[in-house]
């Protein structure tokens, strides 16, 4: 997929061309080395995150690097004079991470928030909810702070998107939030750095899991 982004063949590449948007691809870490690719910023924080049902998903250094990558992206957007920032992601199993984060932040159960993602059957959704439950139980003592929630349950891409939301807010750049992954990242951004009292309010009701 990263190579497809570089070739301009992915759906997001087509959409970006249609609206004359600058597409910036940031590789935060893939299981296999993609090599140098045109138009892809290589951050290479790690070969994916750890199994959060067994240990924290990220080290503190990895969390810092991921959030900083998002802040840097916001700086670049401001330098280009961007009028709108649209965050996106490409990750494997990251609806599981996003659901776990939402459970920890919104105090809802995995049964409420775990959905089929890219096509799990009922047994798959049940297994997904059970994995999230184990992770929440394992890290329960550390889930009182949004950054610790992100470090224990999140992914590089979600952390970077949260950083980008914060960086854009600091520079007055509107952020379009679309999709479950980016919604979880935006919620984290608000919890990490709350808006002014007149700012937006994040939802407290559980989102509909039908499409994630």
Protein backbone atom coordinates (compact mmCIF):
# COMPACT_ATOMS: atom_id res chain seq x y z
CA UNK A 1 0.00 0.00 0.00
CA UNK A 2 2.82 2.43 0.79
CA UNK A 3 4.35 1.74 -2.61
CA UNK A 4 0.92 2.26 -4.18
CA UNK A 5 0.69 5.64 -2.46
CA UNK A 6 4.07 6.55 -3.92
CA UNK A 7 2.91 5.52 -7.40
CA UNK A 8 -0.26 7.59 -7.06
CA UNK A 9 -2.48 4.54 -7.54
CA UNK A 10 -4.38 4.49 -4.23
CA UNK A 11 -7.91 5.85 -3.87
CA UNK A 12 -6.68 8.68 -1.65
CA UNK A 13 -4.26 9.72 -4.41
CA UNK A 14 -7.16 9.99 -6.85
CA UNK A 15 -9.28 11.95 -4.38
CA UNK A 16 -6.40 14.32 -3.61
CA UNK A 17 -5.92 15.02 -7.31
CA UNK A 18 -9.64 15.67 -7.76
CA UNK A 19 -9.71 18.38 -5.09
CA UNK A 20 -6.22 19.68 -5.89
CA UNK A 21 -4.97 18.77 -2.41
CA UNK A 22 -1.39 18.20 -1.35
CA UNK A 23 -1.02 14.56 -0.30
CA UNK A 24 1.68 13.91 2.30
CA UNK A 25 2.45 10.27 3.09
CA UNK A 26 4.34 9.58 6.30
CA UNK A 27 5.62 6.04 6.87
CA UNK A 28 5.82 5.64 10.65
CA UNK A 29 6.91 2.02 10.47
CA UNK A 30 6.03 -1.07 8.46
CA UNK A 31 6.79 -4.72 9.13
CA UNK A 32 9.02 -4.82 6.03
CA UNK A 33 11.36 -2.12 4.76
CA UNK A 34 9.79 -0.32 1.82
CA UNK A 35 13.04 1.36 0.84
CA UNK A 36 13.21 4.96 -0.31
CA UNK A 37 10.02 5.93 -2.12
CA UNK A 38 9.28 9.21 -3.92
CA UNK A 39 6.89 11.42 -1.99
CA UNK A 40 7.00 9.29 1.18
CA UNK A 41 8.50 10.68 4.39
CA UNK A 42 10.26 7.85 6.21
CA UNK A 43 10.04 8.08 10.01
CA UNK A 44 10.46 4.34 10.76
CA UNK A 45 9.59 4.43 14.45
CA UNK A 46 9.39 0.64 14.57
CA UNK A 47 8.12 -2.43 12.74
CA UNK A 48 4.59 -1.89 13.96
CA UNK A 49 3.43 -1.66 17.54
CA UNK A 50 3.62 -4.43 20.14
CA UNK A 51 0.76 -6.79 21.03
CA UNK A 52 -1.27 -4.66 23.43
CA UNK A 53 -2.92 -7.75 24.93
CA UNK A 54 0.52 -8.69 26.31
CA UNK A 55 2.42 -5.42 26.82
CA UNK A 56 2.16 -1.68 26.10
CA UNK A 57 1.72 -1.01 22.41
CA UNK A 58 4.49 1.61 22.41
CA UNK A 59 7.48 2.66 24.43
CA UNK A 60 7.58 6.23 25.69
CA UNK A 61 10.14 7.09 23.01
CA UNK A 62 7.92 5.63 20.28
CA UNK A 63 4.91 7.55 21.56
CA UNK A 64 6.89 10.80 21.60
CA UNK A 65 8.20 10.18 18.08
CA UNK A 66 4.74 9.36 16.74
CA UNK A 67 3.07 12.43 18.22
CA UNK A 68 5.98 14.58 17.01
CA UNK A 69 5.51 13.26 13.47
CA UNK A 70 1.93 14.53 13.59
CA UNK A 71 2.99 17.90 15.00
CA UNK A 72 5.58 18.17 12.22
CA UNK A 73 2.92 17.43 9.63
CA UNK A 74 0.79 20.27 11.00
CA UNK A 75 3.79 22.62 10.80
CA UNK A 76 4.32 21.61 7.17
CA UNK A 77 0.64 22.17 6.41
CA UNK A 78 0.88 25.67 7.88
CA UNK A 79 4.01 26.39 5.85
CA UNK A 80 2.14 25.41 2.69
CA UNK A 81 -0.74 27.72 3.61
CA UNK A 82 -3.22 24.88 4.03
CA UNK A 83 -6.83 25.94 4.60
CA UNK A 84 -7.94 22.49 5.73
CA UNK A 85 -6.16 19.43 7.12
CA UNK A 86 -7.64 16.02 6.31
CA UNK A 87 -6.01 13.21 8.28
CA UNK A 88 -6.02 9.62 7.13
CA UNK A 89 -4.44 6.30 7.96
CA UNK A 90 -3.35 2.96 6.63
CA UNK A 91 -2.84 0.31 9.28
CA UNK A 92 -3.40 -3.36 9.95
CA UNK A 93 -5.97 -4.22 12.66
CA UNK A 94 -6.14 -0.60 13.72
CA UNK A 95 -9.90 -0.61 14.21
CA UNK A 96 -9.09 -2.87 17.16
CA UNK A 97 -6.72 -0.24 18.55
CA UNK A 98 -9.24 2.54 17.89
CA UNK A 99 -12.03 0.58 19.60
CA UNK A 100 -9.81 -0.12 22.61
CA UNK A 101 -8.92 3.56 22.86
CA UNK A 102 -12.57 4.57 22.60
CA UNK A 103 -13.49 2.08 25.34
CA UNK A 104 -10.84 3.50 27.66
CA UNK A 105 -11.73 7.13 26.92
CA UNK A 106 -15.52 6.86 26.82
CA UNK A 107 -15.94 4.11 29.44
CA UNK A 108 -17.92 1.85 27.11
CA UNK A 109 -17.51 -1.90 26.73
CA UNK A 110 -15.75 -3.71 23.87
CA UNK A 111 -19.06 -5.42 23.12
CA UNK A 112 -20.50 -1.97 22.39
CA UNK A 113 -17.62 -0.71 20.27
CA UNK A 114 -16.02 -3.71 18.54
CA UNK A 115 -17.32 -4.14 14.99
CA UNK A 116 -16.50 -6.21 11.90
CA UNK A 117 -13.84 -3.85 10.54
CA UNK A 118 -12.94 -5.07 7.07
CA UNK A 119 -15.34 -8.00 7.21
CA UNK A 120 -15.15 -10.14 10.35
CA UNK A 121 -18.00 -12.57 10.96
CA UNK A 122 -19.81 -12.78 14.31
CA UNK A 123 -17.16 -15.07 15.80
CA UNK A 124 -14.44 -12.72 14.64
CA UNK A 125 -16.16 -9.73 16.23
CA UNK A 126 -16.54 -11.66 19.48
CA UNK A 127 -12.84 -12.56 19.43
CA UNK A 128 -11.99 -8.91 18.74
CA UNK A 129 -14.02 -7.82 21.76
CA UNK A 130 -12.34 -10.47 23.93
CA UNK A 131 -8.85 -9.28 22.88
CA UNK A 132 -9.78 -5.68 23.73
CA UNK A 133 -11.19 -6.82 27.09
CA UNK A 134 -7.90 -8.56 27.94
CA UNK A 135 -5.95 -5.46 26.98
CA UNK A 136 -8.14 -3.17 29.07
CA UNK A 137 -7.79 -5.47 32.07
CA UNK A 138 -4.01 -5.79 31.62
CA UNK A 139 -3.43 -2.03 31.48
CA UNK A 140 -6.25 -0.93 33.80
CA UNK A 141 -3.93 0.71 36.32
CA UNK A 142 -2.41 2.97 33.61
CA UNK A 143 -5.57 4.09 31.82
CA UNK A 144 -6.24 7.27 33.80
CA UNK A 145 -4.20 9.60 31.57
CA UNK A 146 -4.89 10.13 27.84
CA UNK A 147 -1.22 9.89 26.85
CA UNK A 148 -0.81 6.66 28.81
CA UNK A 149 -3.99 5.32 27.24
CA UNK A 150 -2.53 6.15 23.84
CA UNK A 151 0.84 4.56 24.67
CA UNK A 152 -0.67 1.33 25.97
CA UNK A 153 -3.46 0.84 23.44
CA UNK A 154 -2.76 2.97 20.38
CA UNK A 155 -0.82 2.76 17.15
CA UNK A 156 1.84 4.95 15.60
CA UNK A 157 -0.66 6.30 13.09
CA UNK A 158 -3.27 7.15 15.73
CA UNK A 159 -0.68 8.94 17.86
CA UNK A 160 0.52 10.90 14.82
CA UNK A 161 -3.04 11.86 13.89
CA UNK A 162 -3.64 13.06 17.45
CA UNK A 163 -0.47 15.13 17.24
CA UNK A 164 -1.58 16.55 13.91
CA UNK A 165 -4.96 17.57 15.37
CA UNK A 166 -3.23 19.35 18.24
CA UNK A 167 -0.71 21.01 15.93
CA UNK A 168 -3.42 22.22 13.56
CA UNK A 169 -5.53 23.55 16.44
CA UNK A 170 -2.53 25.51 17.70
CA UNK A 171 -2.19 27.12 14.27
CA UNK A 172 -5.87 27.74 13.56
CA UNK A 173 -6.07 25.17 10.76
CA UNK A 174 -9.45 23.38 10.62
CA UNK A 175 -9.29 19.59 10.70
CA UNK A 176 -11.76 17.39 8.85
CA UNK A 177 -12.36 14.25 10.91
CA UNK A 178 -13.59 11.30 8.87
CA UNK A 179 -13.50 7.63 9.81
CA UNK A 180 -13.24 5.68 13.03
CA UNK A 181 -9.44 5.80 13.33
CA UNK A 182 -9.23 9.56 12.88
CA UNK A 183 -12.20 10.03 15.22
CA UNK A 184 -10.37 8.14 17.96
CA UNK A 185 -7.30 10.29 17.30
CA UNK A 186 -9.34 13.50 17.48
CA UNK A 187 -10.90 12.38 20.76
CA UNK A 188 -7.43 11.75 22.14
CA UNK A 189 -6.28 15.18 20.99
CA UNK A 190 -9.15 16.84 22.83
CA UNK A 191 -8.47 14.83 25.98
CA UNK A 192 -4.73 15.59 25.81
CA UNK A 193 -5.26 19.30 25.13
CA UNK A 194 -8.87 20.32 25.88
CA UNK A 195 -10.42 23.09 23.76
CA UNK A 196 -11.49 26.47 25.08
CA UNK A 197 -14.93 26.43 26.78
CA UNK A 198 -16.50 27.77 23.57
CA UNK A 199 -14.82 25.08 21.48
CA UNK A 200 -16.20 21.83 20.13
CA UNK A 201 -17.46 19.06 22.35
CA UNK A 202 -16.64 15.42 21.67
CA UNK A 203 -19.50 12.88 21.76
CA UNK A 204 -20.09 10.89 24.94
CA UNK A 205 -22.45 8.34 23.36
CA UNK A 206 -20.90 5.22 21.83
CA UNK A 207 -20.51 5.39 18.03
CA UNK A 208 -22.27 2.89 15.83
CA UNK A 209 -19.90 -0.09 15.27
CA UNK A 210 -21.65 -1.25 12.12
CA UNK A 211 -18.86 -0.17 9.78
CA UNK A 212 -15.67 -0.71 11.76
